[in-house]
Amino acid sequence: MPYMIETFDKPDAGDLRQQLRATHLEFLERNKKLLLACGAKLLDDGVTGTGSFYIVDVETREEAQAFVNGDPFAAGGLFDRIEINRWRKAYLNGEKYI
């Protein structure tokens, strides 16, 4: 069963997010086999990042934690906090799974 990971950026960390973004995107590309979905959480302006959201196809919490720990955003100190929860797919892309 996959895990969802929600991250919350430190306040006023927009510059740090931009500095780390290229290496973060490279990390995602290297790990794309694990990604069911991911993306930035944005303010209503549609530009300003406030954190990230990932759904990763791993079997254990430890694997989910290792994944997010390897993200340059985490290693670079961008995140104020990280929440990891199991995720059960009910609907995805308009398809029912339950």
PDB file of N, CA and C in Angstrom:
ATOM      1  N   MET A   1       0.853  -1.184   0.000  1.00  0.00           N
ATOM      2  CA  MET A   1       0.000   0.000   0.000  1.00  0.00           C
ATOM      3  C   MET A   1       0.893   1.239   0.000  1.00  0.00           C
ATOM      4  N   PRO A   2       0.677   2.183  -0.909  1.00  0.00           N
ATOM      5  CA  PRO A   2       1.520   3.375  -1.011  1.00  0.00           C
ATOM      6  C   PRO A   2       1.434   4.281   0.220  1.00  0.00           C
ATOM      7  N   TYR A   3       2.349   5.220   0.243  1.00  0.00           N
ATOM      8  CA  TYR A   3       2.393   6.238   1.284  1.00  0.00           C
ATOM      9  C   TYR A   3       2.272   7.608   0.645  1.00  0.00           C
ATOM     10  N   MET A   4       1.588   8.515   1.362  1.00  0.00           N
ATOM     11  CA  MET A   4       1.579   9.912   0.935  1.00  0.00           C
ATOM     12  C   MET A   4       2.469  10.675   1.901  1.00  0.00           C
ATOM     13  N   ILE A   5       3.223  11.577   1.335  1.00  0.00           N
ATOM     14  CA  ILE A   5       4.152  12.401   2.091  1.00  0.00           C
ATOM     15  C   ILE A   5       3.776  13.849   1.828  1.00  0.00           C
ATOM     16  N   GLU A   6       3.507  14.572   2.892  1.00  0.00           N
ATOM     17  CA  GLU A   6       3.211  15.998   2.768  1.00  0.00           C
ATOM     18  C   GLU A   6       4.284  16.766   3.512  1.00  0.00           C
ATOM     19  N   THR A   7       4.867  17.737   2.833  1.00  0.00           N
ATOM     20  CA  THR A   7       5.910  18.546   3.452  1.00  0.00           C
ATOM     21  C   THR A   7       5.442  19.992   3.551  1.00  0.00           C
ATOM     22  N   PHE A   8       5.987  20.672   4.517  1.00  0.00           N
ATOM     23  CA  PHE A   8       5.646  22.064   4.800  1.00  0.00           C
ATOM     24  C   PHE A   8       6.940  22.858   4.851  1.00  0.00           C
ATOM     25  N   ASP A   9       7.070  23.844   3.956  1.00  0.00           N
ATOM     26  CA  ASP A   9       8.283  24.658   3.920  1.00  0.00           C
ATOM     27  C   ASP A   9       8.404  25.527   5.160  1.00  0.00           C
ATOM     28  N   LYS A  10       9.640  25.845   5.512  1.00  0.00           N
ATOM     29  CA  LYS A  10       9.895  26.826   6.565  1.00  0.00           C
ATOM     30  C   LYS A  10       9.374  28.184   6.087  1.00  0.00           C
ATOM     31  N   PRO A  11       8.981  29.044   7.007  1.00  0.00           N
ATOM     32  CA  PRO A  11       8.513  30.368   6.602  1.00  0.00           C
ATOM     33  C   PRO A  11       9.585  31.132   5.819  1.00  0.00           C
ATOM     34  N   ASP A  12       9.150  31.882   4.865  1.00  0.00           N
ATOM     35  CA  ASP A  12      10.022  32.754   4.076  1.00  0.00           C
ATOM     36  C   ASP A  12      11.190  32.010   3.435  1.00  0.00           C
ATOM     37  N   ALA A  13      10.928  30.810   2.935  1.00  0.00           N
ATOM     38  CA  ALA A  13      11.992  29.977   2.363  1.00  0.00           C
ATOM     39  C   ALA A  13      11.931  29.922   0.837  1.00  0.00           C
ATOM     40  N   GLY A  14      11.271  30.887   0.224  1.00  0.00           N
ATOM     41  CA  GLY A  14      11.129  30.883  -1.228  1.00  0.00           C
ATOM     42  C   GLY A  14      12.453  30.883  -1.970  1.00  0.00           C
ATOM     43  N   ASP A  15      13.416  31.670  -1.497  1.00  0.00           N
ATOM     44  CA  ASP A  15      14.728  31.717  -2.158  1.00  0.00           C
ATOM     45  C   ASP A  15      15.431  30.366  -2.048  1.00  0.00           C
ATOM     46  N   LEU A  16      15.359  29.739  -0.872  1.00  0.00           N
ATOM     47  CA  LEU A  16      15.980  28.430  -0.685  1.00  0.00           C
ATOM     48  C   LEU A  16      15.319  27.393  -1.594  1.00  0.00           C
ATOM     49  N   ARG A  17      13.999  27.438  -1.705  1.00  0.00           N
ATOM     50  CA  ARG A  17      13.284  26.520  -2.603  1.00  0.00           C
ATOM     51  C   ARG A  17      13.808  26.658  -4.026  1.00  0.00           C
ATOM     52  N   GLN A  18      13.980  27.862  -4.490  1.00  0.00           N
ATOM     53  CA  GLN A  18      14.468  28.089  -5.856  1.00  0.00           C
ATOM     54  C   GLN A  18      15.910  27.622  -6.020  1.00  0.00           C
ATOM     55  N   GLN A  19      16.741  27.822  -4.999  1.00  0.00           N
ATOM     56  CA  GLN A  19      18.139  27.379  -5.067  1.00  0.00           C
ATOM     57  C   GLN A  19      18.240  25.860  -5.191  1.00  0.00           C
ATOM     58  N   LEU A  20      17.341  25.140  -4.535  1.00  0.00           N
ATOM     59  CA  LEU A  20      17.382  23.680  -4.497  1.00  0.00           C
ATOM     60  C   LEU A  20      16.559  23.021  -5.605  1.00  0.00           C
ATOM     61  N   ARG A  21      15.786  23.794  -6.328  1.00  0.00           N
ATOM     62  CA  ARG A  21      14.797  23.239  -7.249  1.00  0.00           C
ATOM     63  C   ARG A  21      15.399  22.338  -8.326  1.00  0.00           C
ATOM     64  N   ALA A  22      16.494  22.740  -8.958  1.00  0.00           N
ATOM     65  CA  ALA A  22      17.069  21.939 -10.049  1.00  0.00           C
ATOM     66  C   ALA A  22      17.513  20.564  -9.544  1.00  0.00           C
ATOM     67  N   THR A  23      18.175  20.514  -8.399  1.00  0.00           N
ATOM     68  CA  THR A  23      18.622  19.214  -7.879  1.00  0.00           C
ATOM     69  C   THR A  23      17.429  18.394  -7.379  1.00  0.00           C
ATOM     70  N   HIS A  24      16.391  19.057  -6.881  1.00  0.00           N
ATOM     71  CA  HIS A  24      15.164  18.377  -6.476  1.00  0.00           C
ATOM     72  C   HIS A  24      14.509  17.702  -7.691  1.00  0.00           C
ATOM     73  N   LEU A  25      14.416  18.409  -8.811  1.00  0.00           N
ATOM     74  CA  LEU A  25      13.811  17.847 -10.015  1.00  0.00           C
ATOM     75  C   LEU A  25      14.639  16.681 -10.561  1.00  0.00           C
ATOM     76  N   GLU A  26      15.959  16.759 -10.447  1.00  0.00           N
ATOM     77  CA  GLU A  26      16.815  15.636 -10.849  1.00  0.00           C
ATOM     78  C   GLU A  26      16.551  14.420  -9.956  1.00  0.00           C
ATOM     79  N   PHE A  27      16.385  14.655  -8.656  1.00  0.00           N
ATOM     80  CA  PHE A  27      16.070  13.585  -7.710  1.00  0.00           C
ATOM     81  C   PHE A  27      14.751  12.915  -8.095  1.00  0.00           C
ATOM     82  N   LEU A  28      13.736  13.707  -8.408  1.00  0.00           N
ATOM     83  CA  LEU A  28      12.447  13.142  -8.811  1.00  0.00           C
ATOM     84  C   LEU A  28      12.587  12.305 -10.079  1.00  0.00           C
ATOM     85  N   GLU A  29      13.346  12.785 -11.037  1.00  0.00           N
ATOM     86  CA  GLU A  29      13.540  12.038 -12.285  1.00  0.00           C
ATOM     87  C   GLU A  29      14.226  10.699 -12.007  1.00  0.00           C
ATOM     88  N   ARG A  30      15.238  10.703 -11.143  1.00  0.00           N
ATOM     89  CA  ARG A  30      15.939   9.451 -10.805  1.00  0.00           C
ATOM     90  C   ARG A  30      15.033   8.466 -10.078  1.00  0.00           C
ATOM     91  N   ASN A  31      14.027   8.972  -9.377  1.00  0.00           N
ATOM     92  CA  ASN A  31      13.148   8.135  -8.563  1.00  0.00           C
ATOM     93  C   ASN A  31      11.738   8.025  -9.123  1.00  0.00           C
ATOM     94  N   LYS A  32      11.542   8.332 -10.393  1.00  0.00           N
ATOM     95  CA  LYS A  32      10.200   8.386 -10.963  1.00  0.00           C
ATOM     96  C   LYS A  32       9.472   7.050 -10.908  1.00  0.00           C
ATOM     97  N   LYS A  33      10.190   5.936 -10.814  1.00  0.00           N
ATOM     98  CA  LYS A  33       9.529   4.624 -10.714  1.00  0.00           C
ATOM     99  C   LYS A  33       8.726   4.499  -9.418  1.00  0.00           C
ATOM    100  N   LEU A  34       9.100   5.252  -8.401  1.00  0.00           N
ATOM    101  CA  LEU A  34       8.399   5.197  -7.115  1.00  0.00           C
ATOM    102  C   LEU A  34       7.221   6.159  -7.051  1.00  0.00           C
ATOM    103  N   LEU A  35       7.146   7.107  -7.964  1.00  0.00           N
ATOM    104  CA  LEU A  35       6.165   8.189  -7.873  1.00  0.00           C
ATOM    105  C   LEU A  35       4.852   7.833  -8.551  1.00  0.00           C
ATOM    106  N   LEU A  36       3.790   7.786  -7.769  1.00  0.00           N
ATOM    107  CA  LEU A  36       2.447   7.687  -8.330  1.00  0.00           C
ATOM    108  C   LEU A  36       1.927   9.085  -8.647  1.00  0.00           C
ATOM    109  N   ALA A  37       2.332  10.056  -7.834  1.00  0.00           N
ATOM    110  CA  ALA A  37       1.976  11.465  -8.039  1.00  0.00           C
ATOM    111  C   ALA A  37       2.896  12.310  -7.168  1.00  0.00           C
ATOM    112  N   CYS A  38       3.116  13.529  -7.589  1.00  0.00           N
ATOM    113  CA  CYS A  38       3.842  14.478  -6.743  1.00  0.00           C
ATOM    114  C   CYS A  38       3.674  15.871  -7.325  1.00  0.00           C
ATOM    115  N   GLY A  39       3.959  16.848  -6.513  1.00  0.00           N
ATOM    116  CA  GLY A  39       3.903  18.224  -6.972  1.00  0.00           C
ATOM    117  C   GLY A  39       4.041  19.199  -5.824  1.00  0.00           C
ATOM    118  N   ALA A  40       4.199  20.447  -6.190  1.00  0.00           N
ATOM    119  CA  ALA A  40       4.337  21.519  -5.203  1.00  0.00           C
ATOM    120  C   ALA A  40       2.972  21.956  -4.699  1.00  0.00           C
ATOM    121  N   LYS A  41       2.933  22.330  -3.433  1.00  0.00           N
ATOM    122  CA  LYS A  41       1.749  22.992  -2.872  1.00  0.00           C
ATOM    123  C   LYS A  41       1.979  24.492  -3.051  1.00  0.00           C
ATOM    124  N   LEU A  42       0.979  25.177  -3.579  1.00  0.00           N
ATOM    125  CA  LEU A  42       1.139  26.587  -3.928  1.00  0.00           C
ATOM    126  C   LEU A  42       0.120  27.463  -3.218  1.00  0.00           C
ATOM    127  N   LEU A  43       0.495  28.721  -3.034  1.00  0.00           N
ATOM    128  CA  LEU A  43      -0.475  29.724  -2.593  1.00  0.00           C
ATOM    129  C   LEU A  43      -1.451  29.978  -3.728  1.00  0.00           C
ATOM    130  N   ASP A  44      -2.495  30.708  -3.446  1.00  0.00           N
ATOM    131  CA  ASP A  44      -3.512  31.001  -4.462  1.00  0.00           C
ATOM    132  C   ASP A  44      -2.967  31.767  -5.662  1.00  0.00           C
ATOM    133  N   ASP A  45      -1.766  32.363  -5.536  1.00  0.00           N
ATOM    134  CA  ASP A  45      -1.185  33.057  -6.681  1.00  0.00           C
ATOM    135  C   ASP A  45      -0.708  32.074  -7.756  1.00  0.00           C
ATOM    136  N   GLY A  46      -0.690  30.765  -7.416  1.00  0.00           N
ATOM    137  CA  GLY A  46      -0.295  29.746  -8.367  1.00  0.00           C
ATOM    138  C   GLY A  46       1.199  29.679  -8.631  1.00  0.00           C
ATOM    139  N   VAL A  47       1.991  30.422  -7.852  1.00  0.00           N
ATOM    140  CA  VAL A  47       3.433  30.497  -8.081  1.00  0.00           C
ATOM    141  C   VAL A  47       4.231  30.171  -6.817  1.00  0.00           C
ATOM    142  N   THR A  48       3.820  30.734  -5.705  1.00  0.00           N
ATOM    143  CA  THR A  48       4.598  30.637  -4.469  1.00  0.00           C
ATOM    144  C   THR A  48       4.431  29.272  -3.819  1.00  0.00           C
ATOM    145  N   GLY A  49       5.549  28.530  -3.730  1.00  0.00           N
ATOM    146  CA  GLY A  49       5.533  27.209  -3.122  1.00  0.00           C
ATOM    147  C   GLY A  49       5.493  27.271  -1.605  1.00  0.00           C
ATOM    148  N   THR A  50       4.731  26.357  -1.017  1.00  0.00           N
ATOM    149  CA  THR A  50       4.625  26.287   0.447  1.00  0.00           C
ATOM    150  C   THR A  50       4.978  24.902   0.984  1.00  0.00           C
ATOM    151  N   GLY A  51       5.284  23.979   0.090  1.00  0.00           N
ATOM    152  CA  GLY A  51       5.600  22.614   0.481  1.00  0.00           C
ATOM    153  C   GLY A  51       5.432  21.708  -0.721  1.00  0.00           C
ATOM    154  N   SER A  52       5.452  20.415  -0.440  1.00  0.00           N
ATOM    155  CA  SER A  52       5.341  19.424  -1.508  1.00  0.00           C
ATOM    156  C   SER A  52       4.401  18.310  -1.080  1.00  0.00           C
ATOM    157  N   PHE A  53       3.919  17.572  -2.073  1.00  0.00           N
ATOM    158  CA  PHE A  53       3.041  16.432  -1.823  1.00  0.00           C
ATOM    159  C   PHE A  53       3.485  15.306  -2.740  1.00  0.00           C
ATOM    160  N   TYR A  54       3.699  14.136  -2.170  1.00  0.00           N
ATOM    161  CA  TYR A  54       4.132  12.972  -2.930  1.00  0.00           C
ATOM    162  C   TYR A  54       3.245  11.791  -2.573  1.00  0.00           C
ATOM    163  N   ILE A  55       2.955  10.952  -3.534  1.00  0.00           N
ATOM    164  CA  ILE A  55       2.412   9.619  -3.271  1.00  0.00           C
ATOM    165  C   ILE A  55       3.432   8.662  -3.862  1.00  0.00           C
ATOM    166  N   VAL A  56       4.043   7.867  -2.974  1.00  0.00           N
ATOM    167  CA  VAL A  56       5.132   6.988  -3.388  1.00  0.00           C
ATOM    168  C   VAL A  56       4.725   5.531  -3.237  1.00  0.00           C
ATOM    169  N   ASP A  57       5.133   4.737  -4.200  1.00  0.00           N
ATOM    170  CA  ASP A  57       4.805   3.318  -4.222  1.00  0.00           C
ATOM    171  C   ASP A  57       5.912   2.542  -3.510  1.00  0.00           C
ATOM    172  N   VAL A  58       5.837   2.527  -2.186  1.00  0.00           N
ATOM    173  CA  VAL A  58       6.777   1.785  -1.345  1.00  0.00           C
ATOM    174  C   VAL A  58       5.973   0.970  -0.345  1.00  0.00           C
ATOM    175  N   GLU A  59       6.606  -0.012   0.256  1.00  0.00           N
ATOM    176  CA  GLU A  59       5.904  -0.930   1.147  1.00  0.00           C
ATOM    177  C   GLU A  59       5.934  -0.539   2.622  1.00  0.00           C
ATOM    178  N   THR A  60       6.929   0.245   3.034  1.00  0.00           N
ATOM    179  CA  THR A  60       7.072   0.529   4.463  1.00  0.00           C
ATOM    180  C   THR A  60       7.233   2.023   4.722  1.00  0.00           C
ATOM    181  N   ARG A  61       6.916   2.405   5.930  1.00  0.00           N
ATOM    182  CA  ARG A  61       7.123   3.794   6.371  1.00  0.00           C
ATOM    183  C   ARG A  61       8.605   4.155   6.275  1.00  0.00           C
ATOM    184  N   GLU A  62       9.466   3.193   6.599  1.00  0.00           N
ATOM    185  CA  GLU A  62      10.906   3.447   6.547  1.00  0.00           C
ATOM    186  C   GLU A  62      11.355   3.779   5.131  1.00  0.00           C
ATOM    187  N   GLU A  63      10.784   3.081   4.148  1.00  0.00           N
ATOM    188  CA  GLU A  63      11.105   3.391   2.750  1.00  0.00           C
ATOM    189  C   GLU A  63      10.601   4.781   2.364  1.00  0.00           C
ATOM    190  N   ALA A  64       9.416   5.146   2.826  1.00  0.00           N
ATOM    191  CA  ALA A  64       8.877   6.484   2.551  1.00  0.00           C
ATOM    192  C   ALA A  64       9.752   7.545   3.200  1.00  0.00           C
ATOM    193  N   GLN A  65      10.181   7.293   4.430  1.00  0.00           N
ATOM    194  CA  GLN A  65      11.043   8.242   5.138  1.00  0.00           C
ATOM    195  C   GLN A  65      12.387   8.372   4.422  1.00  0.00           C
ATOM    196  N   ALA A  66      12.950   7.251   3.985  1.00  0.00           N
ATOM    197  CA  ALA A  66      14.224   7.293   3.266  1.00  0.00           C
ATOM    198  C   ALA A  66      14.083   8.067   1.960  1.00  0.00           C
ATOM    199  N   PHE A  67      12.952   7.880   1.276  1.00  0.00           N
ATOM    200  CA  PHE A  67      12.714   8.620   0.038  1.00  0.00           C
ATOM    201  C   PHE A  67      12.750  10.118   0.299  1.00  0.00           C
ATOM    202  N   VAL A  68      11.956  10.574   1.247  1.00  0.00           N
ATOM    203  CA  VAL A  68      11.878  12.020   1.475  1.00  0.00           C
ATOM    204  C   VAL A  68      13.183  12.560   2.058  1.00  0.00           C
ATOM    205  N   ASN A  69      13.874  11.772   2.851  1.00  0.00           N
ATOM    206  CA  ASN A  69      15.165  12.217   3.387  1.00  0.00           C
ATOM    207  C   ASN A  69      16.187  12.426   2.271  1.00  0.00           C
ATOM    208  N   GLY A  70      16.056  11.651   1.173  1.00  0.00           N
ATOM    209  CA  GLY A  70      16.961  11.790   0.051  1.00  0.00           C
ATOM    210  C   GLY A  70      16.655  12.953  -0.868  1.00  0.00           C
ATOM    211  N   ASP A  71      15.519  13.585  -0.687  1.00  0.00           N
ATOM    212  CA  ASP A  71      15.130  14.730  -1.506  1.00  0.00           C
ATOM    213  C   ASP A  71      16.025  15.918  -1.149  1.00  0.00           C
ATOM    214  N   PRO A  72      16.642  16.560  -2.136  1.00  0.00           N
ATOM    215  CA  PRO A  72      17.464  17.737  -1.851  1.00  0.00           C
ATOM    216  C   PRO A  72      16.719  18.838  -1.095  1.00  0.00           C
ATOM    217  N   PHE A  73      15.393  18.924  -1.248  1.00  0.00           N
ATOM    218  CA  PHE A  73      14.639  19.888  -0.451  1.00  0.00           C
ATOM    219  C   PHE A  73      14.783  19.579   1.038  1.00  0.00           C
ATOM    220  N   ALA A  74      14.695  18.306   1.406  1.00  0.00           N
ATOM    221  CA  ALA A  74      14.844  17.920   2.817  1.00  0.00           C
ATOM    222  C   ALA A  74      16.288  18.077   3.259  1.00  0.00           C
ATOM    223  N   ALA A  75      17.211  17.541   2.478  1.00  0.00           N
ATOM    224  CA  ALA A  75      18.631  17.603   2.830  1.00  0.00           C
ATOM    225  C   ALA A  75      19.121  19.048   2.917  1.00  0.00           C
ATOM    226  N   GLY A  76      18.526  19.932   2.113  1.00  0.00           N
ATOM    227  CA  GLY A  76      18.923  21.340   2.100  1.00  0.00           C
ATOM    228  C   GLY A  76      18.272  22.188   3.169  1.00  0.00           C
ATOM    229  N   GLY A  77      17.409  21.585   3.995  1.00  0.00           N
ATOM    230  CA  GLY A  77      16.808  22.315   5.110  1.00  0.00           C
ATOM    231  C   GLY A  77      15.580  23.127   4.763  1.00  0.00           C
ATOM    232  N   LEU A  78      14.918  22.824   3.660  1.00  0.00           N
ATOM    233  CA  LEU A  78      13.736  23.596   3.258  1.00  0.00           C
ATOM    234  C   LEU A  78      12.522  23.315   4.132  1.00  0.00           C
ATOM    235  N   PHE A  79      12.365  22.070   4.560  1.00  0.00           N
ATOM    236  CA  PHE A  79      11.127  21.670   5.215  1.00  0.00           C
ATOM    237  C   PHE A  79      11.117  21.990   6.706  1.00  0.00           C
ATOM    238  N   ASP A  80       9.994  22.554   7.140  1.00  0.00           N
ATOM    239  CA  ASP A  80       9.739  22.786   8.551  1.00  0.00           C
ATOM    240  C   ASP A  80       9.238  21.504   9.218  1.00  0.00           C
ATOM    241  N   ARG A  81       8.386  20.777   8.465  1.00  0.00           N
ATOM    242  CA  ARG A  81       7.897  19.494   8.975  1.00  0.00           C
ATOM    243  C   ARG A  81       7.466  18.604   7.818  1.00  0.00           C
ATOM    244  N   ILE A  82       7.406  17.302   8.126  1.00  0.00           N
ATOM    245  CA  ILE A  82       7.045  16.289   7.151  1.00  0.00           C
ATOM    246  C   ILE A  82       6.029  15.363   7.794  1.00  0.00           C
ATOM    247  N   GLU A  83       4.950  15.061   7.078  1.00  0.00           N
ATOM    248  CA  GLU A  83       3.956  14.089   7.544  1.00  0.00           C
ATOM    249  C   GLU A  83       3.897  12.939   6.551  1.00  0.00           C
ATOM    250  N   ILE A  84       3.914  11.714   7.074  1.00  0.00           N
ATOM    251  CA  ILE A  84       3.868  10.510   6.247  1.00  0.00           C
ATOM    252  C   ILE A  84       2.701   9.659   6.705  1.00  0.00           C
ATOM    253  N   ASN A  85       1.850   9.267   5.752  1.00  0.00           N
ATOM    254  CA  ASN A  85       0.682   8.432   6.051  1.00  0.00           C
ATOM    255  C   ASN A  85       0.494   7.392   4.969  1.00  0.00           C
ATOM    256  N   ARG A  86      -0.060   6.229   5.357  1.00  0.00           N
ATOM    257  CA  ARG A  86      -0.441   5.222   4.367  1.00  0.00           C
ATOM    258  C   ARG A  86      -1.549   5.814   3.503  1.00  0.00           C
ATOM    259  N   TRP A  87      -1.625   5.345   2.268  1.00  0.00           N
ATOM    260  CA  TRP A  87      -2.629   5.861   1.339  1.00  0.00           C
ATOM    261  C   TRP A  87      -3.295   4.696   0.628  1.00  0.00           C
ATOM    262  N   ARG A  88      -4.608   4.680   0.672  1.00  0.00           N
ATOM    263  CA  ARG A  88      -5.377   3.668  -0.058  1.00  0.00           C
ATOM    264  C   ARG A  88      -6.031   4.351  -1.247  1.00  0.00           C
ATOM    265  N   LYS A  89      -5.751   3.832  -2.411  1.00  0.00           N
ATOM    266  CA  LYS A  89      -6.280   4.393  -3.648  1.00  0.00           C
ATOM    267  C   LYS A  89      -7.762   4.043  -3.742  1.00  0.00           C
ATOM    268  N   ALA A  90      -8.606   5.036  -3.809  1.00  0.00           N
ATOM    269  CA  ALA A  90     -10.042   4.838  -4.007  1.00  0.00           C
ATOM    270  C   ALA A  90     -10.410   5.189  -5.456  1.00  0.00           C
ATOM    271  N   TYR A  91     -10.011   6.360  -5.900  1.00  0.00           N
ATOM    272  CA  TYR A  91     -10.194   6.795  -7.284  1.00  0.00           C
ATOM    273  C   TYR A  91      -8.888   7.441  -7.737  1.00  0.00           C
ATOM    274  N   LEU A  92      -8.540   7.174  -8.965  1.00  0.00           N
ATOM    275  CA  LEU A  92      -7.359   7.788  -9.559  1.00  0.00           C
ATOM    276  C   LEU A  92      -7.620   7.939 -11.050  1.00  0.00           C
ATOM    277  N   ASN A  93      -7.423   9.156 -11.543  1.00  0.00           N
ATOM    278  CA  ASN A  93      -7.682   9.442 -12.961  1.00  0.00           C
ATOM    279  C   ASN A  93      -9.074   9.008 -13.405  1.00  0.00           C
ATOM    280  N   GLY A  94     -10.045   9.207 -12.530  1.00  0.00           N
ATOM    281  CA  GLY A  94     -11.434   8.879 -12.846  1.00  0.00           C
ATOM    282  C   GLY A  94     -11.783   7.410 -12.757  1.00  0.00           C
ATOM    283  N   GLU A  95     -10.823   6.577 -12.349  1.00  0.00           N
ATOM    284  CA  GLU A  95     -11.085   5.146 -12.210  1.00  0.00           C
ATOM    285  C   GLU A  95     -11.301   4.770 -10.754  1.00  0.00           C
ATOM    286  N   LYS A  96     -12.241   3.896 -10.511  1.00  0.00           N
ATOM    287  CA  LYS A  96     -12.565   3.422  -9.167  1.00  0.00           C
ATOM    288  C   LYS A  96     -11.723   2.192  -8.852  1.00  0.00           C
ATOM    289  N   TYR A  97     -11.150   2.163  -7.646  1.00  0.00           N
ATOM    290  CA  TYR A  97     -10.304   1.057  -7.238  1.00  0.00           C
ATOM    291  C   TYR A  97     -10.821   0.330  -5.999  1.00  0.00           C
ATOM    292  N   ILE A  98     -11.911   0.829  -5.428  1.00  0.00           N
ATOM    293  CA  ILE A  98     -12.455   0.153  -4.236  1.00  0.00           C
ATOM    294  C   ILE A  98     -13.843  -0.386  -4.538  1.00  0.00           C
TER     295      ILE A  98
END
